[in-house]
N, C-alpha and C. Protein backbone atom coordinates (compact mmCIF):
# COMPACT_ATOMS: atom_id res chain seq x y z
N MET A 1 6.08 34.38 37.14
CA MET A 1 6.98 33.30 36.81
C MET A 1 6.20 32.05 36.43
N GLN A 2 5.19 31.73 37.25
CA GLN A 2 4.40 30.54 37.01
C GLN A 2 3.61 30.68 35.71
N GLU A 3 3.07 31.86 35.46
CA GLU A 3 2.29 32.10 34.25
C GLU A 3 3.18 32.01 33.01
N SER A 4 4.41 32.45 33.11
CA SER A 4 5.34 32.40 31.99
C SER A 4 5.63 30.94 31.60
N ARG A 5 5.82 30.06 32.57
CA ARG A 5 6.07 28.65 32.27
C ARG A 5 4.84 28.00 31.65
N PHE A 6 3.66 28.42 32.12
CA PHE A 6 2.42 27.86 31.57
C PHE A 6 2.31 28.17 30.08
N TRP A 7 2.49 29.43 29.71
CA TRP A 7 2.34 29.80 28.30
C TRP A 7 3.46 29.21 27.45
N THR A 8 4.62 29.04 28.02
CA THR A 8 5.71 28.39 27.29
C THR A 8 5.34 26.94 26.97
N ARG A 9 4.76 26.26 27.96
CA ARG A 9 4.33 24.87 27.73
C ARG A 9 3.19 24.79 26.73
N VAL A 10 2.23 25.69 26.83
CA VAL A 10 1.09 25.69 25.90
C VAL A 10 1.59 25.92 24.48
N LEU A 11 2.48 26.90 24.32
CA LEU A 11 3.03 27.17 22.99
C LEU A 11 3.83 25.98 22.47
N GLY A 12 4.61 25.34 23.34
CA GLY A 12 5.37 24.16 22.94
C GLY A 12 4.46 23.01 22.52
N LEU A 13 3.39 22.76 23.27
CA LEU A 13 2.44 21.70 22.92
C LEU A 13 1.71 22.02 21.61
N ALA A 14 1.34 23.27 21.42
CA ALA A 14 0.67 23.66 20.18
C ALA A 14 1.60 23.48 18.98
N ALA A 15 2.86 23.85 19.14
CA ALA A 15 3.83 23.67 18.05
C ALA A 15 4.05 22.18 17.77
N ALA A 16 4.13 21.38 18.82
CA ALA A 16 4.31 19.94 18.63
C ALA A 16 3.09 19.32 17.94
N ALA A 17 1.87 19.75 18.31
CA ALA A 17 0.66 19.25 17.68
C ALA A 17 0.61 19.65 16.20
N LEU A 18 0.99 20.88 15.90
CA LEU A 18 1.01 21.33 14.52
C LEU A 18 2.02 20.54 13.69
N LEU A 19 3.21 20.34 14.23
CA LEU A 19 4.23 19.56 13.52
C LEU A 19 3.80 18.11 13.33
N ALA A 20 3.15 17.51 14.34
CA ALA A 20 2.67 16.14 14.22
C ALA A 20 1.59 16.04 13.14
N THR A 21 0.70 17.02 13.08
CA THR A 21 -0.34 17.03 12.05
C THR A 21 0.26 17.16 10.66
N LEU A 22 1.22 18.06 10.50
CA LEU A 22 1.86 18.24 9.20
C LEU A 22 2.64 16.99 8.80
N LEU A 23 3.32 16.37 9.75
CA LEU A 23 4.05 15.14 9.46
C LEU A 23 3.11 14.03 9.04
N ALA A 24 1.97 13.92 9.70
CA ALA A 24 0.98 12.90 9.33
C ALA A 24 0.45 13.14 7.92
N ARG A 25 0.25 14.40 7.54
CA ARG A 25 -0.22 14.71 6.19
C ARG A 25 0.83 14.36 5.14
N ILE A 26 2.09 14.55 5.47
CA ILE A 26 3.17 14.22 4.53
C ILE A 26 3.28 12.71 4.38
N LEU A 27 3.16 11.98 5.48
CA LEU A 27 3.35 10.53 5.45
C LEU A 27 2.09 9.75 5.07
N ARG A 28 0.95 10.40 4.92
CA ARG A 28 -0.30 9.71 4.63
C ARG A 28 -0.23 8.80 3.40
N PRO A 29 0.40 9.18 2.29
CA PRO A 29 0.46 8.27 1.14
C PRO A 29 1.27 7.00 1.42
N PHE A 30 2.11 7.03 2.44
CA PHE A 30 2.97 5.88 2.73
C PHE A 30 2.38 4.95 3.79
N PHE A 31 1.25 5.28 4.38
CA PHE A 31 0.68 4.45 5.44
C PHE A 31 0.31 3.07 4.93
N GLY A 32 -0.26 2.97 3.74
CA GLY A 32 -0.65 1.67 3.18
C GLY A 32 0.56 0.76 2.95
N PRO A 33 1.58 1.23 2.22
CA PRO A 33 2.77 0.39 2.04
C PRO A 33 3.47 0.04 3.35
N ILE A 34 3.49 0.97 4.31
CA ILE A 34 4.12 0.67 5.60
C ILE A 34 3.33 -0.41 6.31
N LEU A 35 2.01 -0.37 6.23
CA LEU A 35 1.18 -1.39 6.86
C LEU A 35 1.42 -2.75 6.22
N TRP A 36 1.48 -2.80 4.88
CA TRP A 36 1.74 -4.07 4.19
C TRP A 36 3.13 -4.61 4.54
N ALA A 37 4.12 -3.75 4.59
CA ALA A 37 5.47 -4.19 4.94
C ALA A 37 5.52 -4.72 6.37
N SER A 38 4.82 -4.07 7.27
CA SER A 38 4.78 -4.55 8.65
C SER A 38 4.10 -5.91 8.74
N LEU A 39 3.02 -6.08 8.01
CA LEU A 39 2.32 -7.36 8.00
C LEU A 39 3.19 -8.47 7.43
N LEU A 40 3.86 -8.20 6.33
CA LEU A 40 4.77 -9.20 5.75
C LEU A 40 5.92 -9.53 6.70
N ALA A 41 6.48 -8.53 7.34
CA ALA A 41 7.57 -8.78 8.28
C ALA A 41 7.09 -9.63 9.46
N PHE A 42 5.90 -9.36 9.94
CA PHE A 42 5.35 -10.14 11.06
C PHE A 42 5.09 -11.58 10.64
N LEU A 43 4.52 -11.77 9.46
CA LEU A 43 4.18 -13.12 9.00
C LEU A 43 5.42 -13.94 8.62
N LEU A 44 6.45 -13.28 8.11
CA LEU A 44 7.63 -14.00 7.64
C LEU A 44 8.74 -14.11 8.68
N PHE A 45 8.53 -13.58 9.86
CA PHE A 45 9.57 -13.63 10.88
C PHE A 45 9.95 -15.06 11.27
N PRO A 46 9.00 -15.99 11.44
CA PRO A 46 9.41 -17.37 11.76
C PRO A 46 10.27 -18.01 10.66
N ALA A 47 9.92 -17.77 9.41
CA ALA A 47 10.72 -18.30 8.31
C ALA A 47 12.11 -17.67 8.30
N ASN A 48 12.18 -16.39 8.59
CA ASN A 48 13.47 -15.69 8.64
C ASN A 48 14.34 -16.27 9.76
N ARG A 49 13.73 -16.54 10.91
CA ARG A 49 14.48 -17.09 12.05
C ARG A 49 15.04 -18.47 11.72
N LYS A 50 14.23 -19.33 11.06
CA LYS A 50 14.71 -20.66 10.67
C LYS A 50 15.84 -20.57 9.66
N LEU A 51 15.70 -19.68 8.68
CA LEU A 51 16.75 -19.54 7.68
C LEU A 51 18.04 -19.01 8.29
N ARG A 52 17.93 -18.10 9.25
CA ARG A 52 19.14 -17.54 9.87
C ARG A 52 19.88 -18.57 10.71
N ARG A 53 19.16 -19.54 11.26
CA ARG A 53 19.82 -20.59 12.03
C ARG A 53 20.66 -21.50 11.15
N ARG A 54 20.16 -21.75 9.94
CA ARG A 54 20.81 -22.74 9.07
C ARG A 54 21.78 -22.13 8.06
N LEU A 55 21.59 -20.88 7.71
CA LEU A 55 22.39 -20.25 6.65
C LEU A 55 23.06 -18.99 7.17
N PRO A 56 24.08 -18.52 6.45
CA PRO A 56 24.65 -17.22 6.80
C PRO A 56 23.60 -16.11 6.66
N LEU A 57 23.78 -15.06 7.42
CA LEU A 57 22.78 -14.00 7.51
C LEU A 57 22.44 -13.40 6.14
N GLY A 58 23.45 -13.08 5.34
CA GLY A 58 23.21 -12.47 4.03
C GLY A 58 22.47 -13.40 3.09
N LEU A 59 22.81 -14.67 3.10
CA LEU A 59 22.15 -15.64 2.22
C LEU A 59 20.71 -15.86 2.66
N ALA A 60 20.46 -15.88 3.95
CA ALA A 60 19.09 -16.04 4.45
C ALA A 60 18.22 -14.86 4.01
N ALA A 61 18.75 -13.67 4.11
CA ALA A 61 18.01 -12.48 3.69
C ALA A 61 17.74 -12.51 2.19
N PHE A 62 18.75 -12.91 1.41
CA PHE A 62 18.58 -13.00 -0.03
C PHE A 62 17.51 -14.02 -0.41
N LEU A 63 17.55 -15.19 0.20
CA LEU A 63 16.58 -16.23 -0.14
C LEU A 63 15.16 -15.84 0.25
N LEU A 64 15.00 -15.19 1.39
CA LEU A 64 13.67 -14.76 1.80
C LEU A 64 13.15 -13.65 0.90
N THR A 65 14.02 -12.74 0.51
CA THR A 65 13.62 -11.69 -0.42
C THR A 65 13.23 -12.27 -1.77
N LEU A 66 14.00 -13.23 -2.25
CA LEU A 66 13.68 -13.89 -3.51
C LEU A 66 12.35 -14.64 -3.42
N ALA A 67 12.11 -15.32 -2.31
CA ALA A 67 10.87 -16.07 -2.14
C ALA A 67 9.66 -15.13 -2.11
N VAL A 68 9.78 -14.01 -1.42
CA VAL A 68 8.67 -13.05 -1.38
C VAL A 68 8.43 -12.46 -2.76
N THR A 69 9.50 -12.17 -3.47
CA THR A 69 9.35 -11.62 -4.82
C THR A 69 8.65 -12.62 -5.74
N LEU A 70 9.09 -13.84 -5.71
CA LEU A 70 8.49 -14.85 -6.58
C LEU A 70 7.08 -15.22 -6.13
N GLY A 71 6.82 -15.20 -4.84
CA GLY A 71 5.54 -15.67 -4.34
C GLY A 71 4.47 -14.61 -4.19
N VAL A 72 4.85 -13.36 -4.10
CA VAL A 72 3.86 -12.31 -3.87
C VAL A 72 3.88 -11.25 -4.97
N VAL A 73 5.04 -10.69 -5.22
CA VAL A 73 5.12 -9.54 -6.12
C VAL A 73 4.81 -9.93 -7.56
N ILE A 74 5.41 -10.99 -8.06
CA ILE A 74 5.20 -11.36 -9.46
C ILE A 74 3.75 -11.78 -9.73
N PRO A 75 3.12 -12.65 -8.90
CA PRO A 75 1.71 -12.95 -9.16
C PRO A 75 0.80 -11.72 -9.06
N SER A 76 1.09 -10.82 -8.15
CA SER A 76 0.29 -9.60 -8.04
C SER A 76 0.44 -8.74 -9.29
N ALA A 77 1.65 -8.64 -9.81
CA ALA A 77 1.88 -7.85 -11.02
C ALA A 77 1.19 -8.49 -12.22
N VAL A 78 1.25 -9.81 -12.33
CA VAL A 78 0.58 -10.49 -13.44
C VAL A 78 -0.93 -10.29 -13.34
N LEU A 79 -1.49 -10.40 -12.14
CA LEU A 79 -2.92 -10.19 -11.96
C LEU A 79 -3.31 -8.76 -12.29
N ALA A 80 -2.52 -7.80 -11.85
CA ALA A 80 -2.82 -6.40 -12.16
C ALA A 80 -2.75 -6.15 -13.66
N LEU A 81 -1.78 -6.75 -14.32
CA LEU A 81 -1.66 -6.59 -15.77
C LEU A 81 -2.84 -7.23 -16.48
N ALA A 82 -3.25 -8.41 -16.03
CA ALA A 82 -4.39 -9.08 -16.66
C ALA A 82 -5.67 -8.28 -16.46
N LEU A 83 -5.85 -7.72 -15.28
CA LEU A 83 -7.06 -6.95 -15.01
C LEU A 83 -7.06 -5.60 -15.72
N SER A 84 -5.89 -5.12 -16.07
CA SER A 84 -5.85 -3.83 -16.76
C SER A 84 -6.39 -3.94 -18.19
N PHE A 85 -6.36 -5.14 -18.75
CA PHE A 85 -6.91 -5.33 -20.09
C PHE A 85 -8.38 -5.73 -20.07
N TRP A 86 -8.92 -6.01 -18.91
CA TRP A 86 -10.32 -6.38 -18.78
C TRP A 86 -11.16 -5.14 -19.02
N PRO A 87 -12.18 -5.23 -19.88
CA PRO A 87 -12.98 -4.02 -20.16
C PRO A 87 -13.76 -3.60 -18.92
N ALA A 88 -13.81 -2.31 -18.73
CA ALA A 88 -14.51 -1.79 -17.55
C ALA A 88 -16.01 -2.01 -17.68
N PHE A 89 -16.53 -1.84 -18.89
CA PHE A 89 -17.95 -2.04 -19.14
C PHE A 89 -18.09 -3.00 -20.31
N PRO A 90 -18.95 -3.99 -20.18
CA PRO A 90 -19.12 -4.91 -21.31
C PRO A 90 -19.72 -4.18 -22.51
N ARG A 91 -19.32 -4.61 -23.68
CA ARG A 91 -19.83 -3.96 -24.89
C ARG A 91 -21.25 -4.41 -25.15
N SER A 92 -22.08 -3.47 -25.48
CA SER A 92 -23.46 -3.82 -25.84
C SER A 92 -23.55 -3.90 -27.35
N PRO A 93 -24.47 -4.70 -27.88
CA PRO A 93 -24.58 -4.77 -29.33
C PRO A 93 -24.99 -3.42 -29.89
N PRO A 94 -24.55 -3.12 -31.10
CA PRO A 94 -24.89 -1.82 -31.68
C PRO A 94 -26.40 -1.71 -31.89
N ALA A 95 -26.89 -0.50 -31.66
CA ALA A 95 -28.32 -0.26 -31.83
C ALA A 95 -28.68 -0.31 -33.31
N THR A 96 -29.84 -0.89 -33.61
CA THR A 96 -30.30 -0.94 -35.01
C THR A 96 -30.98 0.37 -35.34
N ARG A 97 -30.72 0.84 -36.54
CA ARG A 97 -31.33 2.10 -36.96
C ARG A 97 -32.63 1.81 -37.69
N SER A 98 -33.59 2.59 -37.38
CA SER A 98 -34.85 2.47 -38.15
C SER A 98 -34.86 3.56 -39.21
N SER A 99 -35.48 3.27 -40.29
CA SER A 99 -35.47 4.21 -41.41
C SER A 99 -36.43 5.35 -41.21
N GLY A 100 -37.26 5.26 -40.22
CA GLY A 100 -38.19 6.36 -39.97
C GLY A 100 -39.53 6.14 -40.68
N ARG A 101 -39.61 5.16 -41.55
CA ARG A 101 -40.87 4.88 -42.24
C ARG A 101 -41.68 3.88 -41.45
N ARG A 102 -42.96 4.12 -41.47
CA ARG A 102 -43.86 3.19 -40.81
C ARG A 102 -44.43 2.25 -41.83
N THR A 103 -44.38 1.02 -41.52
CA THR A 103 -45.00 0.05 -42.41
C THR A 103 -46.21 -0.54 -41.72
N SER A 104 -47.31 -0.61 -42.45
CA SER A 104 -48.49 -1.19 -41.83
C SER A 104 -49.11 -2.24 -42.68
């Protein structure tokens, strides 16, 4: 009886570990955006609290979303667009061809 419960627990823990590993592999591409969203939420919480005190809840959320869009997303997009046109390697002057004749 005791041995049966032990193997049931071991199998349950192994299945849980396998599922956690697979879930982490699925969510790995989203870790960066989730981290940035958490950081923004943490940094903007005081501003959100002040806006909620003075304005209706929906309007406060709208204004904060608009402010983040105008202050973070648009400048980042403009910078990314500007850098996308920047050449990866500077152009070197074209090599001069020699005619193969030696002059002395």
